[in-house]
Amino acid sequence: MDIDEAILACHFEAILALLDGYAIWLQSGRHADNL
């Protein structure tokens, strides 16, 4: 996903759909976005 393109197209639902995996990805040291 290109975030700039998604923002310009106002696809905020698609952006927010990444949030669950992103939060896990951050906590895991950018290794995994689920178990």
Full PDB file with SEQRES, HELIX, SHEET, SSBOND, CRYST1, ORIGX, SCALE, CONECT and MASTER records, all heavy atoms in Angstrom:
SEQRES   1 A   35  MET ASP ILE ASP GLU ALA ILE LEU ALA CYS HIS PHE GLU          
SEQRES   2 A   35  ALA ILE LEU ALA LEU LEU ASP GLY TYR ALA ILE TRP LEU          
SEQRES   3 A   35  GLN SER GLY ARG HIS ALA ASP ASN LEU                          
HELIX    1 AA1 ILE A    3  LEU A    8  1                                   6    
HELIX    2 AA2 PHE A   12  LEU A   16  1                                   5    
HELIX    3 AA3 LEU A   19  GLN A   27  1                                   9    
CRYST1    1.000    1.000    1.000  90.00  90.00  90.00 P 1           1          
ORIGX1      1.000000  0.000000  0.000000        0.00000                         
ORIGX2      0.000000  1.000000  0.000000        0.00000                         
ORIGX3      0.000000  0.000000  1.000000        0.00000                         
SCALE1      1.000000  0.000000  0.000000        0.00000                         
SCALE2      0.000000  1.000000  0.000000        0.00000                         
SCALE3      0.000000  0.000000  1.000000        0.00000                         
ATOM      1  N   MET A   1       0.838  -1.192   0.000  1.00  0.00           N  
ATOM      2  CA  MET A   1       0.000   0.000   0.000  1.00  0.00           C  
ATOM      3  C   MET A   1       0.876   1.247   0.000  1.00  0.00           C  
ATOM      4  O   MET A   1       1.825   1.344   0.773  1.00  0.00           O  
ATOM      5  CB  MET A   1      -0.931   0.046   1.217  1.00  0.00           C  
ATOM      6  CG  MET A   1      -1.802   1.325   1.246  1.00  0.00           C  
ATOM      7  SD  MET A   1      -2.879   1.450   2.684  1.00  0.00           S  
ATOM      8  CE  MET A   1      -4.076   0.179   2.304  1.00  0.00           C  
ATOM      9  N   ASP A   2       0.549   2.179  -0.880  1.00  0.00           N  
ATOM     10  CA  ASP A   2       1.191   3.491  -0.902  1.00  0.00           C  
ATOM     11  C   ASP A   2       0.308   4.442  -0.097  1.00  0.00           C  
ATOM     12  O   ASP A   2      -0.805   4.771  -0.522  1.00  0.00           O  
ATOM     13  CB  ASP A   2       1.358   3.985  -2.339  1.00  0.00           C  
ATOM     14  CG  ASP A   2       2.121   5.292  -2.419  1.00  0.00           C  
ATOM     15  OD1 ASP A   2       1.724   6.259  -1.723  1.00  0.00           O  
ATOM     16  OD2 ASP A   2       3.103   5.366  -3.173  1.00  0.00           O  
ATOM     17  N   ILE A   3       0.788   4.876   1.072  1.00  0.00           N  
ATOM     18  CA  ILE A   3      -0.046   5.680   1.966  1.00  0.00           C  
ATOM     19  C   ILE A   3      -0.398   7.027   1.350  1.00  0.00           C  
ATOM     20  O   ILE A   3      -1.534   7.506   1.493  1.00  0.00           O  
ATOM     21  CB  ILE A   3       0.650   5.866   3.333  1.00  0.00           C  
ATOM     22  CG1 ILE A   3       0.776   4.523   4.045  1.00  0.00           C  
ATOM     23  CG2 ILE A   3      -0.136   6.840   4.218  1.00  0.00           C  
ATOM     24  CD1 ILE A   3      -0.551   3.894   4.415  1.00  0.00           C  
ATOM     25  N   ASP A   4       0.534   7.659   0.659  1.00  0.00           N  
ATOM     26  CA  ASP A   4       0.224   8.935   0.018  1.00  0.00           C  
ATOM     27  C   ASP A   4      -0.936   8.791  -0.965  1.00  0.00           C  
ATOM     28  O   ASP A   4      -1.865   9.615  -0.989  1.00  0.00           O  
ATOM     29  CB  ASP A   4       1.457   9.484  -0.709  1.00  0.00           C  
ATOM     30  CG  ASP A   4       2.276  10.426   0.163  1.00  0.00           C  
ATOM     31  OD1 ASP A   4       2.075  10.418   1.394  1.00  0.00           O  
ATOM     32  OD2 ASP A   4       3.103  11.190  -0.380  1.00  0.00           O  
ATOM     33  N   GLU A   5      -0.885   7.748  -1.781  1.00  0.00           N  
ATOM     34  CA  GLU A   5      -1.970   7.528  -2.754  1.00  0.00           C  
ATOM     35  C   GLU A   5      -3.286   7.270  -2.035  1.00  0.00           C  
ATOM     36  O   GLU A   5      -4.345   7.786  -2.453  1.00  0.00           O  
ATOM     37  CB  GLU A   5      -1.620   6.346  -3.659  1.00  0.00           C  
ATOM     38  CG  GLU A   5      -0.494   6.638  -4.652  1.00  0.00           C  
ATOM     39  CD  GLU A   5      -0.254   5.457  -5.585  1.00  0.00           C  
ATOM     40  OE1 GLU A   5      -0.979   4.438  -5.459  1.00  0.00           O  
ATOM     41  OE2 GLU A   5       0.652   5.555  -6.435  1.00  0.00           O  
ATOM     42  N   ALA A   6      -3.263   6.487  -0.971  1.00  0.00           N  
ATOM     43  CA  ALA A   6      -4.494   6.181  -0.230  1.00  0.00           C  
ATOM     44  C   ALA A   6      -5.075   7.438   0.416  1.00  0.00           C  
ATOM     45  O   ALA A   6      -6.293   7.630   0.443  1.00  0.00           O  
ATOM     46  CB  ALA A   6      -4.202   5.125   0.835  1.00  0.00           C  
ATOM     47  N   ILE A   7      -4.203   8.319   0.925  1.00  0.00           N  
ATOM     48  CA  ILE A   7      -4.689   9.560   1.543  1.00  0.00           C  
ATOM     49  C   ILE A   7      -5.319  10.464   0.497  1.00  0.00           C  
ATOM     50  O   ILE A   7      -6.410  11.013   0.698  1.00  0.00           O  
ATOM     51  CB  ILE A   7      -3.530  10.276   2.270  1.00  0.00           C  
ATOM     52  CG1 ILE A   7      -3.127   9.500   3.521  1.00  0.00           C  
ATOM     53  CG2 ILE A   7      -3.933  11.712   2.650  1.00  0.00           C  
ATOM     54  CD1 ILE A   7      -1.874  10.028   4.199  1.00  0.00           C  
ATOM     55  N   LEU A   8      -4.650  10.628  -0.634  1.00  0.00           N  
ATOM     56  CA  LEU A   8      -5.183  11.497  -1.690  1.00  0.00           C  
ATOM     57  C   LEU A   8      -6.508  10.970  -2.231  1.00  0.00           C  
ATOM     58  O   LEU A   8      -7.366  11.755  -2.649  1.00  0.00           O  
ATOM     59  CB  LEU A   8      -4.157  11.629  -2.821  1.00  0.00           C  
ATOM     60  CG  LEU A   8      -2.884  12.416  -2.455  1.00  0.00           C  
ATOM     61  CD1 LEU A   8      -1.865  12.338  -3.587  1.00  0.00           C  
ATOM     62  CD2 LEU A   8      -3.231  13.872  -2.150  1.00  0.00           C  
ATOM     63  N   ALA A   9      -6.684   9.653  -2.208  1.00  0.00           N  
ATOM     64  CA  ALA A   9      -7.948   9.059  -2.645  1.00  0.00           C  
ATOM     65  C   ALA A   9      -8.965   8.969  -1.507  1.00  0.00           C  
ATOM     66  O   ALA A   9     -10.084   8.497  -1.706  1.00  0.00           O  
ATOM     67  CB  ALA A   9      -7.695   7.675  -3.231  1.00  0.00           C  
ATOM     68  N   CYS A  10      -8.564   9.409  -0.312  1.00  0.00           N  
ATOM     69  CA  CYS A  10      -9.415   9.368   0.888  1.00  0.00           C  
ATOM     70  C   CYS A  10      -9.848   7.951   1.245  1.00  0.00           C  
ATOM     71  O   CYS A  10     -10.971   7.726   1.708  1.00  0.00           O  
ATOM     72  CB  CYS A  10     -10.630  10.284   0.729  1.00  0.00           C  
ATOM     73  SG  CYS A  10     -10.191  12.025   0.781  1.00  0.00           S  
ATOM     74  N   HIS A  11      -8.958   6.999   1.044  1.00  0.00           N  
ATOM     75  CA  HIS A  11      -9.238   5.616   1.424  1.00  0.00           C  
ATOM     76  C   HIS A  11      -8.768   5.378   2.865  1.00  0.00           C  
ATOM     77  O   HIS A  11      -7.894   4.532   3.136  1.00  0.00           O  
ATOM     78  CB  HIS A  11      -8.540   4.653   0.464  1.00  0.00           C  
ATOM     79  CG  HIS A  11      -9.098   4.689  -0.919  1.00  0.00           C  
ATOM     80  ND1 HIS A  11      -8.427   4.207  -2.028  1.00  0.00           N  
ATOM     81  CD2 HIS A  11     -10.293   5.159  -1.389  1.00  0.00           C  
ATOM     82  CE1 HIS A  11      -9.163   4.387  -3.110  1.00  0.00           C  
ATOM     83  NE2 HIS A  11     -10.304   4.953  -2.745  1.00  0.00           N  
ATOM     84  N   PHE A  12      -9.355   6.111   3.784  1.00  0.00           N  
ATOM     85  CA  PHE A  12      -8.909   6.024   5.176  1.00  0.00           C  
ATOM     86  C   PHE A  12      -9.319   4.698   5.820  1.00  0.00           C  
ATOM     87  O   PHE A  12      -8.664   4.231   6.747  1.00  0.00           O  
ATOM     88  CB  PHE A  12      -9.453   7.212   5.974  1.00  0.00           C  
ATOM     89  CG  PHE A  12      -8.784   8.504   5.613  1.00  0.00           C  
ATOM     90  CD1 PHE A  12      -9.403   9.414   4.769  1.00  0.00           C  
ATOM     91  CD2 PHE A  12      -7.525   8.808   6.111  1.00  0.00           C  
ATOM     92  CE1 PHE A  12      -8.776  10.599   4.424  1.00  0.00           C  
ATOM     93  CE2 PHE A  12      -6.893   9.999   5.773  1.00  0.00           C  
ATOM     94  CZ  PHE A  12      -7.512  10.897   4.924  1.00  0.00           C  
ATOM     95  N   GLU A  13     -10.401   4.090   5.319  1.00  0.00           N  
ATOM     96  CA  GLU A  13     -10.786   2.788   5.858  1.00  0.00           C  
ATOM     97  C   GLU A  13      -9.691   1.761   5.604  1.00  0.00           C  
ATOM     98  O   GLU A  13      -9.355   0.955   6.481  1.00  0.00           O  
ATOM     99  CB  GLU A  13     -12.104   2.316   5.240  1.00  0.00           C  
ATOM    100  CG  GLU A  13     -13.298   3.216   5.514  1.00  0.00           C  
ATOM    101  CD  GLU A  13     -13.414   4.337   4.487  1.00  0.00           C  
ATOM    102  OE1 GLU A  13     -12.447   4.550   3.701  1.00  0.00           O  
ATOM    103  OE2 GLU A  13     -14.459   5.000   4.472  1.00  0.00           O  
ATOM    104  N   ALA A  14      -9.109   1.791   4.402  1.00  0.00           N  
ATOM    105  CA  ALA A  14      -8.032   0.856   4.066  1.00  0.00           C  
ATOM    106  C   ALA A  14      -6.782   1.130   4.895  1.00  0.00           C  
ATOM    107  O   ALA A  14      -6.079   0.200   5.313  1.00  0.00           O  
ATOM    108  CB  ALA A  14      -7.709   0.956   2.568  1.00  0.00           C  
ATOM    109  N   ILE A  15      -6.507   2.402   5.129  1.00  0.00           N  
ATOM    110  CA  ILE A  15      -5.341   2.762   5.952  1.00  0.00           C  
ATOM    111  C   ILE A  15      -5.516   2.248   7.373  1.00  0.00           C  
ATOM    112  O   ILE A  15      -4.613   1.631   7.950  1.00  0.00           O  
ATOM    113  CB  ILE A  15      -5.138   4.290   5.943  1.00  0.00           C  
ATOM    114  CG1 ILE A  15      -4.765   4.771   4.535  1.00  0.00           C  
ATOM    115  CG2 ILE A  15      -4.059   4.694   6.953  1.00  0.00           C  
ATOM    116  CD1 ILE A  15      -4.716   6.281   4.394  1.00  0.00           C  
ATOM    117  N   LEU A  16      -6.689   2.482   7.947  1.00  0.00           N  
ATOM    118  CA  LEU A  16      -6.939   2.063   9.325  1.00  0.00           C  
ATOM    119  C   LEU A  16      -6.991   0.548   9.468  1.00  0.00           C  
ATOM    120  O   LEU A  16      -6.747   0.012  10.557  1.00  0.00           O  
ATOM    121  CB  LEU A  16      -8.232   2.690   9.835  1.00  0.00           C  
ATOM    122  CG  LEU A  16      -8.190   4.217  10.026  1.00  0.00           C  
ATOM    123  CD1 LEU A  16      -9.566   4.745  10.384  1.00  0.00           C  
ATOM    124  CD2 LEU A  16      -7.177   4.593  11.101  1.00  0.00           C  
ATOM    125  N   ALA A  17      -7.287  -0.145   8.361  1.00  0.00           N  
ATOM    126  CA  ALA A  17      -7.305  -1.612   8.410  1.00  0.00           C  
ATOM    127  C   ALA A  17      -5.912  -2.180   8.682  1.00  0.00           C  
ATOM    128  O   ALA A  17      -5.780  -3.336   9.113  1.00  0.00           O  
ATOM    129  CB  ALA A  17      -7.860  -2.169   7.101  1.00  0.00           C  
ATOM    130  N   LEU A  18      -4.866  -1.376   8.426  1.00  0.00           N  
ATOM    131  CA  LEU A  18      -3.499  -1.820   8.689  1.00  0.00           C  
ATOM    132  C   LEU A  18      -3.109  -1.685  10.155  1.00  0.00           C  
ATOM    133  O   LEU A  18      -2.071  -2.208  10.570  1.00  0.00           O  
ATOM    134  CB  LEU A  18      -2.517  -0.997   7.850  1.00  0.00           C  
ATOM    135  CG  LEU A  18      -2.597  -1.101   6.325  1.00  0.00           C  
ATOM    136  CD1 LEU A  18      -1.586  -0.160   5.701  1.00  0.00           C  
ATOM    137  CD2 LEU A  18      -2.348  -2.534   5.870  1.00  0.00           C  
ATOM    138  N   LEU A  19      -3.917  -0.969  10.930  1.00  0.00           N  
ATOM    139  CA  LEU A  19      -3.477  -0.547  12.255  1.00  0.00           C  
ATOM    140  C   LEU A  19      -3.228  -1.723  13.205  1.00  0.00           C  
ATOM    141  O   LEU A  19      -2.253  -1.711  13.966  1.00  0.00           O  
ATOM    142  CB  LEU A  19      -4.503   0.411  12.863  1.00  0.00           C  
ATOM    143  CG  LEU A  19      -4.040   1.185  14.092  1.00  0.00           C  
ATOM    144  CD1 LEU A  19      -2.778   1.972  13.799  1.00  0.00           C  
ATOM    145  CD2 LEU A  19      -5.146   2.129  14.568  1.00  0.00           C  
ATOM    146  N   ASP A  20      -4.089  -2.746  13.168  1.00  0.00           N  
ATOM    147  CA  ASP A  20      -3.912  -3.889  14.071  1.00  0.00           C  
ATOM    148  C   ASP A  20      -2.555  -4.558  13.855  1.00  0.00           C  
ATOM    149  O   ASP A  20      -1.796  -4.794  14.800  1.00  0.00           O  
ATOM    150  CB  ASP A  20      -5.027  -4.911  13.871  1.00  0.00           C  
ATOM    151  CG  ASP A  20      -6.374  -4.399  14.349  1.00  0.00           C  
ATOM    152  OD1 ASP A  20      -6.387  -3.432  15.128  1.00  0.00           O  
ATOM    153  OD2 ASP A  20      -7.405  -4.958  13.941  1.00  0.00           O  
ATOM    154  N   GLY A  21      -2.261  -4.853  12.597  1.00  0.00           N  
ATOM    155  CA  GLY A  21      -0.985  -5.490  12.281  1.00  0.00           C  
ATOM    156  C   GLY A  21       0.195  -4.574  12.558  1.00  0.00           C  
ATOM    157  O   GLY A  21       1.251  -5.028  13.023  1.00  0.00           O  
ATOM    158  N   TYR A  22       0.015  -3.291  12.293  1.00  0.00           N  
ATOM    159  CA  TYR A  22       1.100  -2.338  12.511  1.00  0.00           C  
ATOM    160  C   TYR A  22       1.482  -2.244  13.984  1.00  0.00           C  
ATOM    161  O   TYR A  22       2.671  -2.194  14.327  1.00  0.00           O  
ATOM    162  CB  TYR A  22       0.677  -0.963  11.987  1.00  0.00           C  
ATOM    163  CG  TYR A  22       1.671   0.136  12.276  1.00  0.00           C  
ATOM    164  CD1 TYR A  22       2.941   0.112  11.714  1.00  0.00           C  
ATOM    165  CD2 TYR A  22       1.333   1.200  13.116  1.00  0.00           C  
ATOM    166  CE1 TYR A  22       3.858   1.129  11.978  1.00  0.00           C  
ATOM    167  CE2 TYR A  22       2.233   2.214  13.384  1.00  0.00           C  
ATOM    168  CZ  TYR A  22       3.502   2.172  12.815  1.00  0.00           C  
ATOM    169  OH  TYR A  22       4.403   3.169  13.083  1.00  0.00           O  
ATOM    170  N   ALA A  23       0.481  -2.237  14.867  1.00  0.00           N  
ATOM    171  CA  ALA A  23       0.763  -2.145  16.305  1.00  0.00           C  
ATOM    172  C   ALA A  23       1.576  -3.352  16.771  1.00  0.00           C  
ATOM    173  O   ALA A  23       2.521  -3.218  17.561  1.00  0.00           O  
ATOM    174  CB  ALA A  23      -0.546  -2.044  17.088  1.00  0.00           C  
ATOM    175  N   ILE A  24       1.234  -4.546  16.273  1.00  0.00           N  
ATOM    176  CA  ILE A  24       1.993  -5.749  16.622  1.00  0.00           C  
ATOM    177  C   ILE A  24       3.396  -5.688  16.017  1.00  0.00           C  
ATOM    178  O   ILE A  24       4.390  -6.048  16.653  1.00  0.00           O  
ATOM    179  CB  ILE A  24       1.257  -7.017  16.141  1.00  0.00           C  
ATOM    180  CG1 ILE A  24      -0.107  -7.123  16.828  1.00  0.00           C  
ATOM    181  CG2 ILE A  24       2.094  -8.268  16.392  1.00  0.00           C  
ATOM    182  CD1 ILE A  24      -0.975  -8.245  16.295  1.00  0.00           C  
ATOM    183  N   TRP A  25       3.478  -5.210  14.794  1.00  0.00           N  
ATOM    184  CA  TRP A  25       4.756  -5.085  14.077  1.00  0.00           C  
ATOM    185  C   TRP A  25       5.716  -4.174  14.840  1.00  0.00           C  
ATOM    186  O   TRP A  25       6.906  -4.475  14.986  1.00  0.00           O  
ATOM    187  CB  TRP A  25       4.455  -4.542  12.686  1.00  0.00           C  
ATOM    188  CG  TRP A  25       5.611  -4.432  11.741  1.00  0.00           C  
ATOM    189  CD1 TRP A  25       6.288  -5.451  11.149  1.00  0.00           C  
ATOM    190  CD2 TRP A  25       6.187  -3.222  11.255  1.00  0.00           C  
ATOM    191  NE1 TRP A  25       7.254  -4.955  10.307  1.00  0.00           N  
ATOM    192  CE2 TRP A  25       7.218  -3.587  10.350  1.00  0.00           C  
ATOM    193  CE3 TRP A  25       5.935  -1.875  11.468  1.00  0.00           C  
ATOM    194  CZ2 TRP A  25       7.996  -2.659   9.668  1.00  0.00           C  
ATOM    195  CZ3 TRP A  25       6.703  -0.931  10.793  1.00  0.00           C  
ATOM    196  CH2 TRP A  25       7.717  -1.321   9.915  1.00  0.00           C  
ATOM    197  N   LEU A  26       5.209  -3.057  15.345  1.00  0.00           N  
ATOM    198  CA  LEU A  26       6.037  -2.155  16.139  1.00  0.00           C  
ATOM    199  C   LEU A  26       6.562  -2.849  17.394  1.00  0.00           C  
ATOM    200  O   LEU A  26       7.748  -2.784  17.711  1.00  0.00           O  
ATOM    201  CB  LEU A  26       5.228  -0.924  16.552  1.00  0.00           C  
ATOM    202  CG  LEU A  26       5.099   0.237  15.581  1.00  0.00           C  
ATOM    203  CD1 LEU A  26       4.240   1.328  16.201  1.00  0.00           C  
ATOM    204  CD2 LEU A  26       6.450   0.802  15.192  1.00  0.00           C  
ATOM    205  N   GLN A  27       5.660  -3.511  18.110  1.00  0.00           N  
ATOM    206  CA  GLN A  27       6.020  -4.138  19.377  1.00  0.00           C  
ATOM    207  C   GLN A  27       7.009  -5.283  19.189  1.00  0.00           C  
ATOM    208  O   GLN A  27       7.828  -5.562  20.073  1.00  0.00           O  
ATOM    209  CB  GLN A  27       4.763  -4.641  20.089  1.00  0.00           C  
ATOM    210  CG  GLN A  27       4.980  -4.990  21.557  1.00  0.00           C  
ATOM    211  CD  GLN A  27       5.284  -3.756  22.406  1.00  0.00           C  
ATOM    212  OE1 GLN A  27       4.641  -2.728  22.259  1.00  0.00           O  
ATOM    213  NE2 GLN A  27       6.265  -3.857  23.288  1.00  0.00           N  
ATOM    214  N   SER A  28       6.959  -5.939  18.016  1.00  0.00           N  
ATOM    215  CA  SER A  28       7.826  -7.090  17.773  1.00  0.00           C  
ATOM    216  C   SER A  28       9.168  -6.701  17.178  1.00  0.00           C  
ATOM    217  O   SER A  28       9.925  -7.571  16.745  1.00  0.00           O  
ATOM    218  CB  SER A  28       7.122  -8.077  16.833  1.00  0.00           C  
ATOM    219  OG  SER A  28       7.017  -7.517  15.533  1.00  0.00           O  
ATOM    220  N   GLY A  29       9.463  -5.424  17.133  1.00  0.00           N  
ATOM    221  CA  GLY A  29      10.713  -5.000  16.535  1.00  0.00           C  
ATOM    222  C   GLY A  29      10.686  -5.040  15.030  1.00  0.00           C  
ATOM    223  O   GLY A  29      11.704  -5.253  14.378  1.00  0.00           O  
ATOM    224  N   ARG A  30       9.510  -4.817  14.440  1.00  0.00           N  
ATOM    225  CA  ARG A  30       9.291  -4.802  12.983  1.00  0.00           C  
ATOM    226  C   ARG A  30       9.579  -6.151  12.346  1.00  0.00           C  
ATOM    227  O   ARG A  30      10.061  -6.242  11.228  1.00  0.00           O  
ATOM    228  CB  ARG A  30      10.172  -3.750  12.296  1.00  0.00           C  
ATOM    229  CG  ARG A  30       9.670  -2.328  12.381  1.00  0.00           C  
ATOM    230  CD  ARG A  30      10.018  -1.695  13.673  1.00  0.00           C  
ATOM    231  NE  ARG A  30       9.944  -0.238  13.547  1.00  0.00           N  
ATOM    232  CZ  ARG A  30      10.244   0.593  14.526  1.00  0.00           C  
ATOM    233  NH1 ARG A  30      10.629   0.138  15.683  1.00  0.00           N  
ATOM    234  NH2 ARG A  30      10.155   1.889  14.350  1.00  0.00           N  
ATOM    235  N   HIS A  31       9.289  -7.220  13.085  1.00  0.00           N  
ATOM    236  CA  HIS A  31       9.499  -8.556  12.540  1.00  0.00           C  
ATOM    237  C   HIS A  31       8.206  -9.169  12.025  1.00  0.00           C  
ATOM    238  O   HIS A  31       8.181  -9.796  10.980  1.00  0.00           O  
ATOM    239  CB  HIS A  31      10.093  -9.487  13.604  1.00  0.00           C  
ATOM    240  CG  HIS A  31      11.508  -9.157  13.943  1.00  0.00           C  
ATOM    241  ND1 HIS A  31      12.158  -9.693  15.028  1.00  0.00           N  
ATOM    242  CD2 HIS A  31      12.402  -8.341  13.340  1.00  0.00           C  
ATOM    243  CE1 HIS A  31      13.398  -9.218  15.079  1.00  0.00           C  
ATOM    244  NE2 HIS A  31      13.559  -8.403  14.070  1.00  0.00           N  
ATOM    245  N   ALA A  32       7.113  -9.045  12.780  1.00  0.00           N  
ATOM    246  CA  ALA A  32       5.880  -9.760  12.434  1.00  0.00           C  
ATOM    247  C   ALA A  32       4.675  -8.906  12.741  1.00  0.00           C  
ATOM    248  O   ALA A  32       4.700  -8.078  13.649  1.00  0.00           O  
ATOM    249  CB  ALA A  32       5.810 -11.069  13.210  1.00  0.00           C  
ATOM    250  N   ASP A  33       3.599  -9.100  11.963  1.00  0.00           N  
ATOM    251  CA  ASP A  33       2.378  -8.346  12.242  1.00  0.00           C  
ATOM    252  C   ASP A  33       1.261  -9.254  12.739  1.00  0.00           C  
ATOM    253  O   ASP A  33       0.127  -8.832  12.874  1.00  0.00           O  
ATOM    254  CB  ASP A  33       1.923  -7.553  11.013  1.00  0.00           C  
ATOM    255  CG  ASP A  33       1.483  -8.436   9.861  1.00  0.00           C  
ATOM    256  OD1 ASP A  33       1.754  -9.650   9.910  1.00  0.00           O  
ATOM    257  OD2 ASP A  33       0.870  -7.903   8.919  1.00  0.00           O  
ATOM    258  N   ASN A  34       1.571 -10.537  12.981  1.00  0.00           N  
ATOM    259  CA  ASN A  34       0.669 -11.421  13.710  1.00  0.00           C  
ATOM    260  C   ASN A  34       1.518 -12.525  14.317  1.00  0.00           C  
ATOM    261  O   ASN A  34       2.752 -12.507  14.206  1.00  0.00           O  
ATOM    262  CB  ASN A  34      -0.449 -11.985  12.806  1.00  0.00           C  
ATOM    263  CG  ASN A  34       0.098 -12.746  11.624  1.00  0.00           C  
ATOM    264  OD1 ASN A  34       0.940 -13.632  11.791  1.00  0.00           O  
ATOM    265  ND2 ASN A  34      -0.368 -12.392  10.427  1.00  0.00           N  
ATOM    266  N   LEU A  35       0.909 -13.476  14.971  1.00  0.00           N  
ATOM    267  CA  LEU A  35       1.670 -14.487  15.704  1.00  0.00           C  
ATOM    268  C   LEU A  35       2.411 -15.452  14.796  1.00  0.00           C  
ATOM    269  O   LEU A  35       3.310 -16.160  15.241  1.00  0.00           O  
ATOM    270  CB  LEU A  35       0.743 -15.265  16.641  1.00  0.00           C  
ATOM    271  CG  LEU A  35       0.087 -14.425  17.743  1.00  0.00           C  
ATOM    272  CD1 LEU A  35      -0.835 -15.307  18.576  1.00  0.00           C  
ATOM    273  CD2 LEU A  35       1.143 -13.762  18.622  1.00  0.00           C  
TER     274      LEU A  35                                                      
MASTER        0    0    0    3    0    0    0    6  273    1    0    3          
END                                                                             
